Amino acid sequence: MAFPTAFSKILSSFARSALVPRTLTRFNMHSESGKRLVNGVKLYYEKVGQGSKVLFCLPGAMGSTRTDFGPQLDQLKDNFTVISFDPRGYGKSIPPKRDFPLDFYHRDADDAVGLMEQLGYSKYSVLGWSDGGIFGLILAGKYPNVVDRLVVWGCNASVTQKDLDLYEAIRDVSKWNPKMRKPLEDIYGDEVQELWGGWIDGLVSIFKECDGNLCQELLPNITCPTLIIHGEKDPLVPTFHPQYIHKNLKDSILHLMPEGRHNLHLRYAEEFNKYVTDFCKE
C-alpha cells in the first residue's frame, strides 16, 4: 500500500542529508555552520546573510535546517540574517538520541533560546513550522522580550483526538511510499520507525496526561505581532487550530492560502517568502 499522496508531500520536506562534523564551517564571509553546546547537548546550526534583522527558523518533527528551510535560507538572506538549527536528537544534532517526554516542546524552546544566546542574539523574529510552530509559540510566550515578530504555520496549541487519528493513520512507515521513506532512512537508518512512533506516542501521552494542552496557557503572554499562515488543504492540521491561535493572540493576523498544504513554505516558497519579508521588515 503506497503512502497517501497528501502525506507524501509532507514527508518530502524532511531531512535528506547525512550527519556532518561538529567543527565550524564557513561557506563564505556571510555564511557559517557548526555546533554549539547548549543545555548539555551540541546543537547544529546554520547562519546565512548579513541583514540587520534576524530570522530564526524552527523545524518540524524529524526536520533539519536545509530540508525544512532550504528556500528560506537561500532566498531571504538578501534582506535578513537567517538562522536555523536541528533540534536535539534530529539531523546533525545527534547525539543525543531523540526522546519525547511530556515537556519536549518546552525543552526545544529552551534549547532554541539558549542557542541564540550562544550566537550573541538577544532579539530576533521567529519562523516556526509544524512542531517548530508549537515550540515557537512556547518560546514567544516564555521569552517575550527576545521575539520581535512571530510567524507560524502548520501548527497547533493543543492535540485533539482528531489529530491523533490523523497521526495513527500514518504510523506504520513500512506502508509509506519508498521514495518518501528513503530520505529519512538516509539520516536515521533503521530508527525511522522508532523515531516516528516515539513522536506519536509523545503526543498521545500529552493528550492523556495534559488534556491535550501544548501551549494554550502561554498564548496570552505573547505580545509581539504574529502572522499565522495556514494552508486550507493541510492534511495534518485542521483549520480550527490556526483559528484558535488567532483568537487567543492579542496582535495577530491569520492569512489563509487556499491551495496550501502542510509544506506550503516549500511548495509556494516565493509567495511565502514575500509574506515573511513584508511582515518582518515592518
C-alpha atoms as a PDB file:
ATOM      1  CA  MET A   1       0.000   0.000   0.000  1.00  0.00           C
ATOM      2  CA  ALA A   2       1.545   3.315  -1.041  1.00  0.00           C
ATOM      3  CA  PHE A   3       1.776   6.183   1.401  1.00  0.00           C
ATOM      4  CA  PRO A   4      -1.220   8.548   0.919  1.00  0.00           C
ATOM      5  CA  THR A   5      -0.483  11.264  -1.640  1.00  0.00           C
ATOM      6  CA  ALA A   6      -1.452  14.105   0.678  1.00  0.00           C
ATOM      7  CA  PHE A   7       1.022  12.963   3.314  1.00  0.00           C
ATOM      8  CA  SER A   8       3.807  12.123   0.865  1.00  0.00           C
ATOM      9  CA  LYS A   9       4.201  15.817   0.144  1.00  0.00           C
ATOM     10  CA  ILE A  10       4.810  16.419   3.825  1.00  0.00           C
ATOM     11  CA  LEU A  11       7.490  13.784   4.108  1.00  0.00           C
ATOM     12  CA  SER A  12       9.377  15.151   1.118  1.00  0.00           C
ATOM     13  CA  SER A  13      10.260  18.169   3.263  1.00  0.00           C
ATOM     14  CA  PHE A  14      12.027  16.093   5.900  1.00  0.00           C
ATOM     15  CA  ALA A  15      15.779  15.702   6.177  1.00  0.00           C
ATOM     16  CA  ARG A  16      17.869  14.225   3.343  1.00  0.00           C
ATOM     17  CA  SER A  17      21.479  14.793   4.333  1.00  0.00           C
ATOM     18  CA  ALA A  18      23.893  12.771   6.459  1.00  0.00           C
ATOM     19  CA  LEU A  19      25.461  13.966   9.674  1.00  0.00           C
ATOM     20  CA  VAL A  20      28.422  16.370   9.392  1.00  0.00           C
ATOM     21  CA  PRO A  21      31.411  17.059  11.631  1.00  0.00           C
ATOM     22  CA  ARG A  22      30.972  19.197  14.704  1.00  0.00           C
ATOM     23  CA  THR A  23      33.521  21.785  13.697  1.00  0.00           C
ATOM     24  CA  LEU A  24      32.509  25.222  12.473  1.00  0.00           C
ATOM     25  CA  THR A  25      32.366  25.538   8.696  1.00  0.00           C
ATOM     26  CA  ARG A  26      32.388  28.887   6.907  1.00  0.00           C
ATOM     27  CA  PHE A  27      30.930  28.796   3.404  1.00  0.00           C
ATOM     28  CA  ASN A  28      31.823  32.419   2.709  1.00  0.00           C
ATOM     29  CA  MET A  29      32.080  35.635   4.676  1.00  0.00           C
ATOM     30  CA  HIS A  30      28.309  35.747   5.181  1.00  0.00           C
ATOM     31  CA  SER A  31      27.583  32.052   5.860  1.00  0.00           C
ATOM     32  CA  GLU A  32      28.597  29.611   8.546  1.00  0.00           C
ATOM     33  CA  SER A  33      27.529  26.364  10.159  1.00  0.00           C
ATOM     34  CA  GLY A  34      28.629  24.437  13.194  1.00  0.00           C
ATOM     35  CA  LYS A  35      27.662  23.239  16.657  1.00  0.00           C
ATOM     36  CA  ARG A  36      27.279  24.992  19.987  1.00  0.00           C
ATOM     37  CA  LEU A  37      26.937  23.440  23.430  1.00  0.00           C
ATOM     38  CA  VAL A  38      23.507  24.343  24.787  1.00  0.00           C
ATOM     39  CA  ASN A  39      21.825  22.846  27.857  1.00  0.00           C
ATOM     40  CA  GLY A  40      24.249  19.936  27.849  1.00  0.00           C
ATOM     41  CA  VAL A  41      23.914  18.992  24.158  1.00  0.00           C
ATOM     42  CA  LYS A  42      25.668  20.068  20.981  1.00  0.00           C
ATOM     43  CA  LEU A  43      23.183  21.702  18.591  1.00  0.00           C
ATOM     44  CA  TYR A  44      23.883  22.112  14.896  1.00  0.00           C
ATOM     45  CA  TYR A  45      23.015  25.450  13.299  1.00  0.00           C
ATOM     46  CA  GLU A  46      23.372  27.259  10.008  1.00  0.00           C
ATOM     47  CA  LYS A  47      23.538  31.021   9.519  1.00  0.00           C
ATOM     48  CA  VAL A  48      23.397  32.957   6.242  1.00  0.00           C
ATOM     49  CA  GLY A  49      23.107  36.603   5.228  1.00  0.00           C
ATOM     50  CA  GLN A  50      24.079  39.806   6.998  1.00  0.00           C
ATOM     51  CA  GLY A  51      20.836  41.760   7.366  1.00  0.00           C
ATOM     52  CA  SER A  52      20.294  43.817  10.496  1.00  0.00           C
ATOM     53  CA  LYS A  53      17.050  41.958  11.198  1.00  0.00           C
ATOM     54  CA  VAL A  54      17.424  38.314  12.223  1.00  0.00           C
ATOM     55  CA  LEU A  55      15.052  35.471  11.307  1.00  0.00           C
ATOM     56  CA  PHE A  56      15.285  32.285  13.379  1.00  0.00           C
ATOM     57  CA  CYS A  57      13.712  29.253  11.656  1.00  0.00           C
ATOM     58  CA  LEU A  58      12.407  26.371  13.789  1.00  0.00           C
ATOM     59  CA  PRO A  59      11.997  22.965  12.042  1.00  0.00           C
ATOM     60  CA  GLY A  60       9.213  20.413  12.305  1.00  0.00           C
ATOM     61  CA  ALA A  61       9.262  16.822  13.536  1.00  0.00           C
ATOM     62  CA  MET A  62      12.385  14.927  12.378  1.00  0.00           C
ATOM     63  CA  GLY A  63      13.335  18.076  10.456  1.00  0.00           C
ATOM     64  CA  SER A  64      16.573  19.956   9.991  1.00  0.00           C
ATOM     65  CA  THR A  65      17.964  23.199   8.618  1.00  0.00           C
ATOM     66  CA  ARG A  66      18.183  22.695   4.869  1.00  0.00           C
ATOM     67  CA  THR A  67      15.458  20.093   4.493  1.00  0.00           C
ATOM     68  CA  ASP A  68      12.858  22.211   6.260  1.00  0.00           C
ATOM     69  CA  PHE A  69      14.041  25.693   5.264  1.00  0.00           C
ATOM     70  CA  GLY A  70      16.190  25.440   2.150  1.00  0.00           C
ATOM     71  CA  PRO A  71      14.254  28.084   0.162  1.00  0.00           C
ATOM     72  CA  GLN A  72      14.180  30.431   3.140  1.00  0.00           C
ATOM     73  CA  LEU A  73      17.916  30.144   3.792  1.00  0.00           C
ATOM     74  CA  ASP A  74      18.630  30.662   0.096  1.00  0.00           C
ATOM     75  CA  GLN A  75      16.174  33.463  -0.682  1.00  0.00           C
ATOM     76  CA  LEU A  76      15.714  35.505   2.500  1.00  0.00           C
ATOM     77  CA  LYS A  77      19.417  36.031   3.139  1.00  0.00           C
ATOM     78  CA  ASP A  78      19.452  39.058   0.829  1.00  0.00           C
ATOM     79  CA  ASN A  79      17.300  41.028   3.289  1.00  0.00           C
ATOM     80  CA  PHE A  80      17.920  39.304   6.616  1.00  0.00           C
ATOM     81  CA  THR A  81      20.345  37.287   8.659  1.00  0.00           C
ATOM     82  CA  VAL A  82      18.697  33.846   8.600  1.00  0.00           C
ATOM     83  CA  ILE A  83      19.474  31.163  11.174  1.00  0.00           C
ATOM     84  CA  SER A  84      18.107  27.659  11.562  1.00  0.00           C
ATOM     85  CA  PHE A  85      19.073  24.660  13.673  1.00  0.00           C
ATOM     86  CA  ASP A  86      18.493  20.951  14.154  1.00  0.00           C
ATOM     87  CA  PRO A  87      16.661  20.346  17.455  1.00  0.00           C
ATOM     88  CA  ARG A  88      18.295  17.871  19.823  1.00  0.00           C
ATOM     89  CA  GLY A  89      18.124  14.307  18.572  1.00  0.00           C
ATOM     90  CA  TYR A  90      17.298  15.348  14.992  1.00  0.00           C
ATOM     91  CA  GLY A  91      19.520  15.611  11.921  1.00  0.00           C
ATOM     92  CA  LYS A  92      23.025  16.751  12.794  1.00  0.00           C
ATOM     93  CA  SER A  93      22.194  17.359  16.465  1.00  0.00           C
ATOM     94  CA  ILE A  94      22.731  13.657  17.202  1.00  0.00           C
ATOM     95  CA  PRO A  95      23.748  12.596  19.803  1.00  0.00           C
ATOM     96  CA  PRO A  96      21.683  12.592  21.958  1.00  0.00           C
ATOM     97  CA  LYS A  97      19.024  10.149  20.854  1.00  0.00           C
ATOM     98  CA  ARG A  98      15.691  11.907  20.478  1.00  0.00           C
ATOM     99  CA  ASP A  99      13.097  11.263  23.156  1.00  0.00           C
ATOM    100  CA  PHE A 100       9.635  12.663  23.815  1.00  0.00           C
ATOM    101  CA  PRO A 101       8.899  13.478  27.465  1.00  0.00           C
ATOM    102  CA  LEU A 102       5.779  15.482  28.276  1.00  0.00           C
ATOM    103  CA  ASP A 103       7.771  18.725  28.101  1.00  0.00           C
ATOM    104  CA  PHE A 104       9.704  18.062  24.876  1.00  0.00           C
ATOM    105  CA  TYR A 105       8.272  21.140  23.145  1.00  0.00           C
ATOM    106  CA  HIS A 106       9.285  23.310  26.093  1.00  0.00           C
ATOM    107  CA  ARG A 107      12.735  21.729  26.018  1.00  0.00           C
ATOM    108  CA  ASP A 108      13.080  22.586  22.310  1.00  0.00           C
ATOM    109  CA  ALA A 109      12.043  26.180  23.028  1.00  0.00           C
ATOM    110  CA  ASP A 110      14.609  26.476  25.819  1.00  0.00           C
ATOM    111  CA  ASP A 111      17.291  24.981  23.567  1.00  0.00           C
ATOM    112  CA  ALA A 112      16.440  27.429  20.793  1.00  0.00           C
ATOM    113  CA  VAL A 113      16.750  30.454  23.079  1.00  0.00           C
ATOM    114  CA  GLY A 114      19.977  29.075  24.529  1.00  0.00           C
ATOM    115  CA  LEU A 115      21.473  28.621  21.081  1.00  0.00           C
ATOM    116  CA  MET A 116      20.662  32.179  20.079  1.00  0.00           C
ATOM    117  CA  GLU A 117      22.254  33.428  23.298  1.00  0.00           C
ATOM    118  CA  GLN A 118      25.383  31.440  22.394  1.00  0.00           C
ATOM    119  CA  LEU A 119      25.391  33.060  18.964  1.00  0.00           C
ATOM    120  CA  GLY A 120      25.068  36.515  20.505  1.00  0.00           C
ATOM    121  CA  TYR A 121      21.469  37.386  19.603  1.00  0.00           C
ATOM    122  CA  SER A 122      19.061  38.850  22.150  1.00  0.00           C
ATOM    123  CA  LYS A 123      16.272  39.978  19.756  1.00  0.00           C
ATOM    124  CA  TYR A 124      15.030  38.266  16.619  1.00  0.00           C
ATOM    125  CA  SER A 125      11.970  37.212  14.663  1.00  0.00           C
ATOM    126  CA  VAL A 126      10.878  33.575  14.875  1.00  0.00           C
ATOM    127  CA  LEU A 127       9.585  31.447  11.981  1.00  0.00           C
ATOM    128  CA  GLY A 128       8.105  28.152  13.174  1.00  0.00           C
ATOM    129  CA  TRP A 129       6.740  25.345  11.008  1.00  0.00           C
ATOM    130  CA  SER A 130       4.670  22.444  12.332  1.00  0.00           C
ATOM    131  CA  ASP A 131       6.391  21.248  15.541  1.00  0.00           C
ATOM    132  CA  GLY A 132       8.610  24.313  15.179  1.00  0.00           C
ATOM    133  CA  GLY A 133       5.483  26.451  15.242  1.00  0.00           C
ATOM    134  CA  ILE A 134       4.426  24.831  18.510  1.00  0.00           C
ATOM    135  CA  PHE A 135       7.699  25.463  20.278  1.00  0.00           C
ATOM    136  CA  GLY A 136       7.877  28.835  18.552  1.00  0.00           C
ATOM    137  CA  LEU A 137       4.652  29.776  20.347  1.00  0.00           C
ATOM    138  CA  ILE A 138       6.136  28.463  23.587  1.00  0.00           C
ATOM    139  CA  LEU A 139       9.322  30.442  23.008  1.00  0.00           C
ATOM    140  CA  ALA A 140       7.380  33.649  22.386  1.00  0.00           C
ATOM    141  CA  GLY A 141       5.209  33.031  25.439  1.00  0.00           C
ATOM    142  CA  LYS A 142       8.052  32.171  27.816  1.00  0.00           C
ATOM    143  CA  TYR A 143      10.585  34.674  26.479  1.00  0.00           C
ATOM    144  CA  PRO A 144       8.512  37.562  25.077  1.00  0.00           C
ATOM    145  CA  ASN A 145      11.377  40.044  25.312  1.00  0.00           C
ATOM    146  CA  VAL A 146      13.535  38.220  22.759  1.00  0.00           C
ATOM    147  CA  VAL A 147      10.933  37.906  19.981  1.00  0.00           C
ATOM    148  CA  ASP A 148      10.489  40.817  17.603  1.00  0.00           C
ATOM    149  CA  ARG A 149       7.903  39.179  15.315  1.00  0.00           C
ATOM    150  CA  LEU A 150       6.476  35.682  15.091  1.00  0.00           C
ATOM    151  CA  VAL A 151       5.403  33.711  12.013  1.00  0.00           C
ATOM    152  CA  VAL A 152       3.853  30.253  12.480  1.00  0.00           C
ATOM    153  CA  TRP A 153       2.176  27.809  10.121  1.00  0.00           C
ATOM    154  CA  GLY A 154       1.039  24.191  10.180  1.00  0.00           C
ATOM    155  CA  CYS A 155       0.915  24.175  13.977  1.00  0.00           C
ATOM    156  CA  ASN A 156      -1.490  23.849  16.877  1.00  0.00           C
ATOM    157  CA  ALA A 157      -1.782  24.847  20.538  1.00  0.00           C
ATOM    158  CA  SER A 158      -3.441  21.571  21.552  1.00  0.00           C
ATOM    159  CA  VAL A 159      -3.696  17.988  20.360  1.00  0.00           C
ATOM    160  CA  THR A 160      -7.160  16.511  19.913  1.00  0.00           C
ATOM    161  CA  GLN A 161      -8.499  13.030  19.202  1.00  0.00           C
ATOM    162  CA  LYS A 162      -8.974  14.087  15.593  1.00  0.00           C
ATOM    163  CA  ASP A 163      -5.270  14.923  15.395  1.00  0.00           C
ATOM    164  CA  LEU A 164      -4.279  11.589  16.914  1.00  0.00           C
ATOM    165  CA  ASP A 165      -6.450   9.746  14.408  1.00  0.00           C
ATOM    166  CA  LEU A 166      -4.605  11.500  11.580  1.00  0.00           C
ATOM    167  CA  TYR A 167      -1.231  10.551  13.059  1.00  0.00           C
ATOM    168  CA  GLU A 168      -2.202   6.930  13.697  1.00  0.00           C
ATOM    169  CA  ALA A 169      -3.215   6.562  10.048  1.00  0.00           C
ATOM    170  CA  ILE A 170       0.409   7.093   9.044  1.00  0.00           C
ATOM    171  CA  ARG A 171       2.198   5.446  11.985  1.00  0.00           C
ATOM    172  CA  ASP A 172       3.491   2.410  10.061  1.00  0.00           C
ATOM    173  CA  VAL A 173       6.426   3.681   7.976  1.00  0.00           C
ATOM    174  CA  SER A 174       6.604   0.396   6.042  1.00  0.00           C
ATOM    175  CA  LYS A 175       3.428   1.486   4.267  1.00  0.00           C
ATOM    176  CA  TRP A 176       4.894   4.786   3.158  1.00  0.00           C
ATOM    177  CA  ASN A 177       5.937   5.306  -0.421  1.00  0.00           C
ATOM    178  CA  PRO A 178       9.612   4.198  -0.563  1.00  0.00           C
ATOM    179  CA  LYS A 179      10.564   7.484  -2.230  1.00  0.00           C
ATOM    180  CA  MET A 180       9.254   9.332   0.799  1.00  0.00           C
ATOM    181  CA  ARG A 181      10.773   6.939   3.323  1.00  0.00           C
ATOM    182  CA  LYS A 182      14.295   6.838   1.900  1.00  0.00           C
ATOM    183  CA  PRO A 183      15.358  10.425   2.774  1.00  0.00           C
ATOM    184  CA  LEU A 184      14.579   9.721   6.421  1.00  0.00           C
ATOM    185  CA  GLU A 185      16.339   6.363   6.308  1.00  0.00           C
ATOM    186  CA  ASP A 186      19.413   8.115   4.877  1.00  0.00           C
ATOM    187  CA  ILE A 187      19.616  10.116   8.097  1.00  0.00           C
ATOM    188  CA  TYR A 188      18.127   7.882  10.768  1.00  0.00           C
ATOM    189  CA  GLY A 189      18.700   4.420   9.298  1.00  0.00           C
ATOM    190  CA  ASP A 190      16.651   1.671  10.881  1.00  0.00           C
ATOM    191  CA  GLU A 191      15.476   4.036  13.615  1.00  0.00           C
ATOM    192  CA  VAL A 192      12.920   5.863  11.445  1.00  0.00           C
ATOM    193  CA  GLN A 193      10.004   3.789  12.728  1.00  0.00           C
ATOM    194  CA  GLU A 194      11.085   4.146  16.343  1.00  0.00           C
ATOM    195  CA  LEU A 195      11.560   7.897  15.991  1.00  0.00           C
ATOM    196  CA  TRP A 196       8.252   8.467  14.206  1.00  0.00           C
ATOM    197  CA  GLY A 197       6.381   6.195  16.578  1.00  0.00           C
ATOM    198  CA  GLY A 198       8.006   7.924  19.549  1.00  0.00           C
ATOM    199  CA  TRP A 199       6.744  11.286  18.324  1.00  0.00           C
ATOM    200  CA  ILE A 200       3.194   9.963  18.016  1.00  0.00           C
ATOM    201  CA  ASP A 201       3.421   8.275  21.421  1.00  0.00           C
ATOM    202  CA  GLY A 202       4.643  11.550  22.920  1.00  0.00           C
ATOM    203  CA  LEU A 203       1.557  13.340  21.669  1.00  0.00           C
ATOM    204  CA  VAL A 204      -0.697  10.542  22.881  1.00  0.00           C
ATOM    205  CA  SER A 205       0.831  10.990  26.352  1.00  0.00           C
ATOM    206  CA  ILE A 206       0.226  14.749  26.223  1.00  0.00           C
ATOM    207  CA  PHE A 207      -3.366  14.109  25.167  1.00  0.00           C
ATOM    208  CA  LYS A 208      -3.943  11.700  28.054  1.00  0.00           C
ATOM    209  CA  GLU A 209      -1.934  13.346  30.821  1.00  0.00           C
ATOM    210  CA  CYS A 210      -2.217  17.044  29.947  1.00  0.00           C
ATOM    211  CA  ASP A 211      -5.688  17.114  28.396  1.00  0.00           C
ATOM    212  CA  GLY A 212      -4.016  17.695  25.045  1.00  0.00           C
ATOM    213  CA  ASN A 213      -2.638  21.083  26.058  1.00  0.00           C
ATOM    214  CA  LEU A 214       0.547  22.004  24.213  1.00  0.00           C
ATOM    215  CA  CYS A 215       0.853  25.723  24.945  1.00  0.00           C
ATOM    216  CA  GLN A 216      -2.629  27.195  25.357  1.00  0.00           C
ATOM    217  CA  GLU A 217      -1.830  28.909  28.653  1.00  0.00           C
ATOM    218  CA  LEU A 218       1.118  30.753  27.085  1.00  0.00           C
ATOM    219  CA  LEU A 219      -0.764  32.374  24.211  1.00  0.00           C
ATOM    220  CA  PRO A 220      -1.915  35.378  26.320  1.00  0.00           C
ATOM    221  CA  ASN A 221       1.753  36.058  27.153  1.00  0.00           C
ATOM    222  CA  ILE A 222       2.728  36.570  23.509  1.00  0.00           C
ATOM    223  CA  THR A 223       2.993  40.307  22.925  1.00  0.00           C
ATOM    224  CA  CYS A 224       4.800  40.518  19.583  1.00  0.00           C
ATOM    225  CA  PRO A 225       2.994  40.961  16.247  1.00  0.00           C
ATOM    226  CA  THR A 226       2.216  37.487  14.901  1.00  0.00           C
ATOM    227  CA  LEU A 227       1.466  36.238  11.399  1.00  0.00           C
ATOM    228  CA  ILE A 228      -0.383  32.906  11.276  1.00  0.00           C
ATOM    229  CA  ILE A 229      -0.347  31.292   7.839  1.00  0.00           C
ATOM    230  CA  HIS A 230      -2.470  28.253   7.118  1.00  0.00           C
ATOM    231  CA  GLY A 231      -2.894  26.080   4.054  1.00  0.00           C
ATOM    232  CA  GLU A 232      -6.548  25.241   3.629  1.00  0.00           C
ATOM    233  CA  LYS A 233      -5.573  21.864   2.135  1.00  0.00           C
ATOM    234  CA  ASP A 234      -3.279  20.951   5.041  1.00  0.00           C
ATOM    235  CA  PRO A 235      -3.989  17.239   5.656  1.00  0.00           C
ATOM    236  CA  LEU A 236      -2.460  17.204   9.144  1.00  0.00           C
ATOM    237  CA  VAL A 237      -3.653  20.430  10.768  1.00  0.00           C
ATOM    238  CA  PRO A 238      -7.399  21.163  10.657  1.00  0.00           C
ATOM    239  CA  THR A 239      -8.359  24.812  10.246  1.00  0.00           C
ATOM    240  CA  PHE A 240      -9.756  25.107  13.766  1.00  0.00           C
ATOM    241  CA  HIS A 241      -6.193  25.090  15.113  1.00  0.00           C
ATOM    242  CA  PRO A 242      -4.957  28.322  13.461  1.00  0.00           C
ATOM    243  CA  GLN A 243      -8.327  29.907  14.163  1.00  0.00           C
ATOM    244  CA  TYR A 244      -7.897  29.163  17.873  1.00  0.00           C
ATOM    245  CA  ILE A 245      -4.378  30.589  17.913  1.00  0.00           C
ATOM    246  CA  HIS A 246      -5.537  33.730  16.109  1.00  0.00           C
ATOM    247  CA  LYS A 247      -8.432  34.223  18.516  1.00  0.00           C
ATOM    248  CA  ASN A 248      -6.154  33.956  21.541  1.00  0.00           C
ATOM    249  CA  LEU A 249      -3.272  36.176  20.390  1.00  0.00           C
ATOM    250  CA  LYS A 250      -3.526  39.893  21.080  1.00  0.00           C
ATOM    251  CA  ASP A 251      -1.793  41.124  17.950  1.00  0.00           C
ATOM    252  CA  SER A 252      -2.162  38.519  15.214  1.00  0.00           C
ATOM    253  CA  ILE A 253      -3.084  38.216  11.550  1.00  0.00           C
ATOM    254  CA  LEU A 254      -4.459  34.994  10.065  1.00  0.00           C
ATOM    255  CA  HIS A 255      -3.675  34.503   6.385  1.00  0.00           C
ATOM    256  CA  LEU A 256      -5.213  31.523   4.590  1.00  0.00           C
ATOM    257  CA  MET A 257      -3.682  30.015   1.455  1.00  0.00           C
ATOM    258  CA  PRO A 258      -6.449  28.154  -0.451  1.00  0.00           C
ATOM    259  CA  GLU A 259      -4.074  25.746  -2.220  1.00  0.00           C
ATOM    260  CA  GLY A 260      -1.575  25.469   0.614  1.00  0.00           C
ATOM    261  CA  ARG A 261      -0.763  22.135   2.199  1.00  0.00           C
ATOM    262  CA  HIS A 262       1.361  21.375   5.240  1.00  0.00           C
ATOM    263  CA  ASN A 263       4.612  22.267   3.471  1.00  0.00           C
ATOM    264  CA  LEU A 264       3.297  25.457   1.862  1.00  0.00           C
ATOM    265  CA  HIS A 265       6.560  27.332   2.523  1.00  0.00           C
ATOM    266  CA  LEU A 266       8.389  24.822   0.315  1.00  0.00           C
ATOM    267  CA  ARG A 267       5.823  24.334  -2.424  1.00  0.00           C
ATOM    268  CA  TYR A 268       4.992  28.044  -2.652  1.00  0.00           C
ATOM    269  CA  ALA A 269       8.307  29.366  -1.416  1.00  0.00           C
ATOM    270  CA  GLU A 270       8.332  32.615  -3.385  1.00  0.00           C
ATOM    271  CA  GLU A 271       4.854  33.610  -2.222  1.00  0.00           C
ATOM    272  CA  PHE A 272       5.556  32.572   1.352  1.00  0.00           C
ATOM    273  CA  ASN A 273       8.886  34.391   1.472  1.00  0.00           C
ATOM    274  CA  LYS A 274       7.217  37.589   0.301  1.00  0.00           C
ATOM    275  CA  TYR A 275       4.712  37.371   3.176  1.00  0.00           C
ATOM    276  CA  VAL A 276       7.583  36.908   5.610  1.00  0.00           C
ATOM    277  CA  THR A 277       9.654  39.717   4.125  1.00  0.00           C
ATOM    278  CA  ASP A 278       6.802  42.216   4.164  1.00  0.00           C
ATOM    279  CA  PHE A 279       5.781  41.286   7.693  1.00  0.00           C
ATOM    280  CA  CYS A 280       9.231  41.104   9.298  1.00  0.00           C
ATOM    281  CA  LYS A 281      10.687  44.209   7.666  1.00  0.00           C
ATOM    282  CA  GLU A 282       7.968  46.479   9.098  1.00  0.00           C
END
